[in-house]
Amino acid sequence: MVFFTADMHFGHRAIINMQNRPFESVEEMDRILLQSYNSVVRQNDTVYILGDICHHMKIEDADNLIRKMNGKKYLIIGNHDKKYDPRLFEDIKDFMKISVEGRNFALMHYPMLSWPKKSSGGYQLHGHIHARMEYNEKNRAEGIRRYDVGVDANNFFPVSVKQIIDFLGEQVYIDDHNIV
């Protein structure tokens, strides 16, 4: 399965108040975010992390936390990301284009007004703005295939490619190994 997430901000105490996250402490936030992530992502899944994994955290602690995250991880760099151990990721880029079963996705930490394949049904996935689900609902209502995959917009969980396609209005059939 393919998943996307962004803006966990592990180690960032101030994000709790800044984004009105429902956690009593940074330790609780970090624990719940990691549990939520690992509850849906399995070791053989692919995860595109669209930036801001950690903030205000020593690099060694950040690397140790990333090691605990399931899946084959790709990092699209965000404005708070450090020089994590590159061996923890399949690839690290500022921008990435991927195709999943014939659907095109432009991945960047920041939202874009235009993106590759936009006019032919392509999607743009991003983080950065710490939106709530209302942002994604508004985009859907306006026919915009742009989706904030950040934890604040997705109940603190990664979101699957199937969830995104279903949400934006296309029906998807999942067989044993493929999205059709």
C-alpha atoms as a PDB file:
ATOM      1  CA  MET A   1       0.000   0.000   0.000  1.00  0.00           C
ATOM      2  CA  VAL A   2       1.099   3.584  -0.630  1.00  0.00           C
ATOM      3  CA  PHE A   3       0.680   6.226   2.090  1.00  0.00           C
ATOM      4  CA  PHE A   4       1.356   9.941   2.470  1.00  0.00           C
ATOM      5  CA  THR A   5       1.870  12.122   5.527  1.00  0.00           C
ATOM      6  CA  ALA A   6       3.432  15.422   6.569  1.00  0.00           C
ATOM      7  CA  ASP A   7       3.960  17.874   9.392  1.00  0.00           C
ATOM      8  CA  MET A   8       4.312  15.524  12.346  1.00  0.00           C
ATOM      9  CA  HIS A   9       6.688  17.986  14.033  1.00  0.00           C
ATOM     10  CA  PHE A  10       7.990  15.354  16.448  1.00  0.00           C
ATOM     11  CA  GLY A  11       9.720  17.059  19.363  1.00  0.00           C
ATOM     12  CA  HIS A  12       8.021  20.433  18.809  1.00  0.00           C
ATOM     13  CA  ARG A  13       6.329  21.414  22.050  1.00  0.00           C
ATOM     14  CA  ALA A  14       4.930  24.724  20.742  1.00  0.00           C
ATOM     15  CA  ILE A  15       3.053  23.058  17.843  1.00  0.00           C
ATOM     16  CA  ILE A  16       0.567  21.685  20.388  1.00  0.00           C
ATOM     17  CA  ASN A  17      -0.742  25.171  21.177  1.00  0.00           C
ATOM     18  CA  MET A  18      -0.036  26.676  17.756  1.00  0.00           C
ATOM     19  CA  GLN A  19      -2.244  24.079  16.034  1.00  0.00           C
ATOM     20  CA  ASN A  20      -4.521  23.296  18.967  1.00  0.00           C
ATOM     21  CA  ARG A  21      -3.434  19.661  18.968  1.00  0.00           C
ATOM     22  CA  PRO A  22      -5.213  17.569  21.634  1.00  0.00           C
ATOM     23  CA  PHE A  23      -2.106  16.524  23.564  1.00  0.00           C
ATOM     24  CA  GLU A  24      -1.014  17.323  27.121  1.00  0.00           C
ATOM     25  CA  SER A  25       2.722  17.124  26.382  1.00  0.00           C
ATOM     26  CA  VAL A  26       5.226  16.751  23.558  1.00  0.00           C
ATOM     27  CA  GLU A  27       5.985  13.249  24.844  1.00  0.00           C
ATOM     28  CA  GLU A  28       2.317  12.265  24.529  1.00  0.00           C
ATOM     29  CA  MET A  29       2.112  13.828  21.057  1.00  0.00           C
ATOM     30  CA  ASP A  30       5.237  12.021  19.855  1.00  0.00           C
ATOM     31  CA  ARG A  31       4.031   8.685  21.257  1.00  0.00           C
ATOM     32  CA  ILE A  32       0.534   8.963  19.750  1.00  0.00           C
ATOM     33  CA  LEU A  33       1.781  10.185  16.368  1.00  0.00           C
ATOM     34  CA  LEU A  34       4.218   7.264  16.138  1.00  0.00           C
ATOM     35  CA  GLN A  35       1.520   4.787  17.244  1.00  0.00           C
ATOM     36  CA  SER A  36      -0.969   6.201  14.730  1.00  0.00           C
ATOM     37  CA  TYR A  37       1.601   6.030  11.944  1.00  0.00           C
ATOM     38  CA  ASN A  38       2.665   2.447  12.705  1.00  0.00           C
ATOM     39  CA  SER A  39      -0.938   1.297  13.190  1.00  0.00           C
ATOM     40  CA  VAL A  40      -1.642   1.781   9.467  1.00  0.00           C
ATOM     41  CA  VAL A  41       1.792   1.594   7.796  1.00  0.00           C
ATOM     42  CA  ARG A  42       3.341  -1.874   7.584  1.00  0.00           C
ATOM     43  CA  GLN A  43       7.010  -2.675   6.973  1.00  0.00           C
ATOM     44  CA  ASN A  44       6.519  -3.375   3.249  1.00  0.00           C
ATOM     45  CA  ASP A  45       4.338  -0.316   2.588  1.00  0.00           C
ATOM     46  CA  THR A  46       5.658   2.771   0.824  1.00  0.00           C
ATOM     47  CA  VAL A  47       5.342   6.123   2.579  1.00  0.00           C
ATOM     48  CA  TYR A  48       5.955   9.542   1.099  1.00  0.00           C
ATOM     49  CA  ILE A  49       6.650  11.984   3.934  1.00  0.00           C
ATOM     50  CA  LEU A  50       6.022  15.484   2.616  1.00  0.00           C
ATOM     51  CA  GLY A  51       8.199  17.308   5.093  1.00  0.00           C
ATOM     52  CA  ASP A  52       8.586  18.473   8.662  1.00  0.00           C
ATOM     53  CA  ILE A  53       9.132  15.156  10.393  1.00  0.00           C
ATOM     54  CA  CYS A  54      10.798  16.740  13.430  1.00  0.00           C
ATOM     55  CA  HIS A  55      11.398  20.203  14.828  1.00  0.00           C
ATOM     56  CA  HIS A  56      13.494  21.296  17.818  1.00  0.00           C
ATOM     57  CA  MET A  57      14.936  17.800  18.159  1.00  0.00           C
ATOM     58  CA  LYS A  58      18.565  16.668  18.188  1.00  0.00           C
ATOM     59  CA  ILE A  59      19.487  14.956  14.938  1.00  0.00           C
ATOM     60  CA  GLU A  60      20.421  11.722  16.734  1.00  0.00           C
ATOM     61  CA  ASP A  61      17.019  11.635  18.458  1.00  0.00           C
ATOM     62  CA  ALA A  62      15.267  12.402  15.173  1.00  0.00           C
ATOM     63  CA  ASP A  63      17.118   9.591  13.395  1.00  0.00           C
ATOM     64  CA  ASN A  64      16.242   7.160  16.204  1.00  0.00           C
ATOM     65  CA  LEU A  65      12.569   8.114  15.954  1.00  0.00           C
ATOM     66  CA  ILE A  66      12.552   7.769  12.152  1.00  0.00           C
ATOM     67  CA  ARG A  67      14.057   4.273  12.539  1.00  0.00           C
ATOM     68  CA  LYS A  68      10.923   3.319  14.508  1.00  0.00           C
ATOM     69  CA  MET A  69       8.620   4.361  11.659  1.00  0.00           C
ATOM     70  CA  ASN A  70       7.427   1.462   9.487  1.00  0.00           C
ATOM     71  CA  GLY A  71       7.638   1.331   5.718  1.00  0.00           C
ATOM     72  CA  LYS A  72       9.928   2.251   2.881  1.00  0.00           C
ATOM     73  CA  LYS A  73      10.184   5.988   3.388  1.00  0.00           C
ATOM     74  CA  TYR A  74      10.667   8.731   0.818  1.00  0.00           C
ATOM     75  CA  LEU A  75      11.267  12.253   2.123  1.00  0.00           C
ATOM     76  CA  ILE A  76      10.133  15.364   0.327  1.00  0.00           C
ATOM     77  CA  ILE A  77      12.009  18.002   2.305  1.00  0.00           C
ATOM     78  CA  GLY A  78      10.074  20.526   4.384  1.00  0.00           C
ATOM     79  CA  ASN A  79      11.197  23.812   5.845  1.00  0.00           C
ATOM     80  CA  HIS A  80      11.931  22.277   9.280  1.00  0.00           C
ATOM     81  CA  ASP A  81      13.717  19.110   8.171  1.00  0.00           C
ATOM     82  CA  LYS A  82      17.356  18.594   9.123  1.00  0.00           C
ATOM     83  CA  LYS A  83      20.079  16.461   7.595  1.00  0.00           C
ATOM     84  CA  TYR A  84      18.639  13.138   8.692  1.00  0.00           C
ATOM     85  CA  ASP A  85      20.624   9.979   8.066  1.00  0.00           C
ATOM     86  CA  PRO A  86      19.988   9.440   4.331  1.00  0.00           C
ATOM     87  CA  ARG A  87      20.108   5.658   4.820  1.00  0.00           C
ATOM     88  CA  LEU A  88      16.731   5.929   6.579  1.00  0.00           C
ATOM     89  CA  PHE A  89      15.062   6.844   3.263  1.00  0.00           C
ATOM     90  CA  GLU A  90      14.714   5.334  -0.181  1.00  0.00           C
ATOM     91  CA  ASP A  91      15.185   8.831  -1.607  1.00  0.00           C
ATOM     92  CA  ILE A  92      15.213  12.471  -0.474  1.00  0.00           C
ATOM     93  CA  LYS A  93      14.059  15.278  -2.790  1.00  0.00           C
ATOM     94  CA  ASP A  94      12.533  18.749  -2.759  1.00  0.00           C
ATOM     95  CA  PHE A  95       9.874  17.742  -5.291  1.00  0.00           C
ATOM     96  CA  MET A  96       8.780  14.407  -6.661  1.00  0.00           C
ATOM     97  CA  LYS A  97       6.420  13.181  -9.368  1.00  0.00           C
ATOM     98  CA  ILE A  98       5.035   9.677  -9.007  1.00  0.00           C
ATOM     99  CA  SER A  99       2.475   7.555 -10.786  1.00  0.00           C
ATOM    100  CA  VAL A 100       0.375   5.011  -8.913  1.00  0.00           C
ATOM    101  CA  GLU A 101      -1.640   2.754 -11.220  1.00  0.00           C
ATOM    102  CA  GLY A 102      -1.777   5.364 -13.944  1.00  0.00           C
ATOM    103  CA  ARG A 103      -2.678   8.285 -11.673  1.00  0.00           C
ATOM    104  CA  ASN A 104      -0.186  11.138 -11.472  1.00  0.00           C
ATOM    105  CA  PHE A 105       0.807  12.797  -8.216  1.00  0.00           C
ATOM    106  CA  ALA A 106       2.996  15.874  -7.730  1.00  0.00           C
ATOM    107  CA  LEU A 107       4.509  15.794  -4.234  1.00  0.00           C
ATOM    108  CA  MET A 108       5.892  18.873  -2.516  1.00  0.00           C
ATOM    109  CA  HIS A 109       5.951  20.180   1.027  1.00  0.00           C
ATOM    110  CA  TYR A 110       4.286  23.404  -0.104  1.00  0.00           C
ATOM    111  CA  PRO A 111       0.874  23.753  -1.811  1.00  0.00           C
ATOM    112  CA  MET A 112       1.039  24.693  -5.467  1.00  0.00           C
ATOM    113  CA  LEU A 113      -1.432  26.589  -7.661  1.00  0.00           C
ATOM    114  CA  SER A 114      -0.353  24.581 -10.688  1.00  0.00           C
ATOM    115  CA  TRP A 115       1.440  21.231 -11.020  1.00  0.00           C
ATOM    116  CA  PRO A 116       2.433  18.687 -13.664  1.00  0.00           C
ATOM    117  CA  LYS A 117      -0.572  16.911 -15.225  1.00  0.00           C
ATOM    118  CA  LYS A 118      -3.058  19.199 -13.418  1.00  0.00           C
ATOM    119  CA  SER A 119      -5.148  19.676 -16.562  1.00  0.00           C
ATOM    120  CA  SER A 120      -5.239  15.937 -17.250  1.00  0.00           C
ATOM    121  CA  GLY A 121      -6.401  14.715 -13.832  1.00  0.00           C
ATOM    122  CA  GLY A 122      -3.166  14.858 -11.828  1.00  0.00           C
ATOM    123  CA  TYR A 123      -3.156  15.418  -8.088  1.00  0.00           C
ATOM    124  CA  GLN A 124      -0.995  17.682  -5.942  1.00  0.00           C
ATOM    125  CA  LEU A 125      -0.259  16.467  -2.428  1.00  0.00           C
ATOM    126  CA  HIS A 126       1.387  18.720   0.147  1.00  0.00           C
ATOM    127  CA  GLY A 127       1.745  19.658   3.787  1.00  0.00           C
ATOM    128  CA  HIS A 128       3.116  22.854   5.326  1.00  0.00           C
ATOM    129  CA  ILE A 129      -0.093  24.794   5.987  1.00  0.00           C
ATOM    130  CA  HIS A 130      -1.396  22.615   8.856  1.00  0.00           C
ATOM    131  CA  ALA A 131      -4.887  22.785   7.420  1.00  0.00           C
ATOM    132  CA  ARG A 132      -7.889  20.965   8.818  1.00  0.00           C
ATOM    133  CA  MET A 133     -10.078  18.633   6.773  1.00  0.00           C
ATOM    134  CA  GLU A 134     -12.252  21.608   5.764  1.00  0.00           C
ATOM    135  CA  TYR A 135      -9.430  22.725   3.459  1.00  0.00           C
ATOM    136  CA  ASN A 136      -9.495  19.386   1.616  1.00  0.00           C
ATOM    137  CA  GLU A 137     -13.306  19.469   1.514  1.00  0.00           C
ATOM    138  CA  LYS A 138     -13.234  22.969  -0.002  1.00  0.00           C
ATOM    139  CA  ASN A 139     -10.752  21.858  -2.664  1.00  0.00           C
ATOM    140  CA  ARG A 140     -12.980  18.882  -3.484  1.00  0.00           C
ATOM    141  CA  ALA A 141     -16.087  21.104  -3.714  1.00  0.00           C
ATOM    142  CA  GLU A 142     -14.227  23.411  -6.121  1.00  0.00           C
ATOM    143  CA  GLY A 143     -12.950  20.508  -8.246  1.00  0.00           C
ATOM    144  CA  ILE A 144      -9.328  21.089  -7.220  1.00  0.00           C
ATOM    145  CA  ARG A 145      -7.243  17.913  -6.971  1.00  0.00           C
ATOM    146  CA  ARG A 146      -4.988  19.309  -4.246  1.00  0.00           C
ATOM    147  CA  TYR A 147      -4.895  17.566  -0.857  1.00  0.00           C
ATOM    148  CA  ASP A 148      -3.124  18.395   2.420  1.00  0.00           C
ATOM    149  CA  VAL A 149      -1.708  15.082   3.673  1.00  0.00           C
ATOM    150  CA  GLY A 150      -0.526  16.642   6.944  1.00  0.00           C
ATOM    151  CA  VAL A 151      -1.454  15.006  10.228  1.00  0.00           C
ATOM    152  CA  ASP A 152      -3.551  18.002  11.311  1.00  0.00           C
ATOM    153  CA  ALA A 153      -5.932  17.478   8.372  1.00  0.00           C
ATOM    154  CA  ASN A 154      -6.089  13.680   8.734  1.00  0.00           C
ATOM    155  CA  ASN A 155      -6.790  12.927  12.403  1.00  0.00           C
ATOM    156  CA  PHE A 156      -3.052  12.456  13.057  1.00  0.00           C
ATOM    157  CA  PHE A 157      -2.757   9.453  10.685  1.00  0.00           C
ATOM    158  CA  PRO A 158      -1.069   8.898   7.327  1.00  0.00           C
ATOM    159  CA  VAL A 159      -3.522   8.790   4.421  1.00  0.00           C
ATOM    160  CA  SER A 160      -3.520   6.104   1.731  1.00  0.00           C
ATOM    161  CA  VAL A 161      -3.591   6.707  -2.000  1.00  0.00           C
ATOM    162  CA  LYS A 162      -6.985   4.946  -2.042  1.00  0.00           C
ATOM    163  CA  GLN A 163      -8.381   7.323   0.601  1.00  0.00           C
ATOM    164  CA  ILE A 164      -7.242  10.353  -1.393  1.00  0.00           C
ATOM    165  CA  ILE A 165      -8.676   9.115  -4.689  1.00  0.00           C
ATOM    166  CA  ASP A 166     -11.946   8.076  -3.012  1.00  0.00           C
ATOM    167  CA  PHE A 167     -12.173  11.424  -1.218  1.00  0.00           C
ATOM    168  CA  LEU A 168     -11.653  13.426  -4.382  1.00  0.00           C
ATOM    169  CA  GLY A 169     -14.395  11.512  -6.116  1.00  0.00           C
ATOM    170  CA  GLU A 170     -12.923   8.683  -8.143  1.00  0.00           C
ATOM    171  CA  GLN A 171     -13.975   5.139  -7.420  1.00  0.00           C
ATOM    172  CA  VAL A 172     -11.095   2.755  -6.850  1.00  0.00           C
ATOM    173  CA  TYR A 173     -11.110  -1.022  -6.740  1.00  0.00           C
ATOM    174  CA  ILE A 174      -8.389  -2.697  -4.683  1.00  0.00           C
ATOM    175  CA  ASP A 175      -7.517  -6.256  -5.589  1.00  0.00           C
ATOM    176  CA  ASP A 176      -4.975  -8.332  -3.680  1.00  0.00           C
ATOM    177  CA  HIS A 177      -1.957  -6.276  -4.751  1.00  0.00           C
ATOM    178  CA  ASN A 178      -2.963  -3.428  -7.002  1.00  0.00           C
ATOM    179  CA  ILE A 179      -5.096  -0.343  -7.246  1.00  0.00           C
ATOM    180  CA  VAL A 180      -7.211  -0.699 -10.389  1.00  0.00           C
END
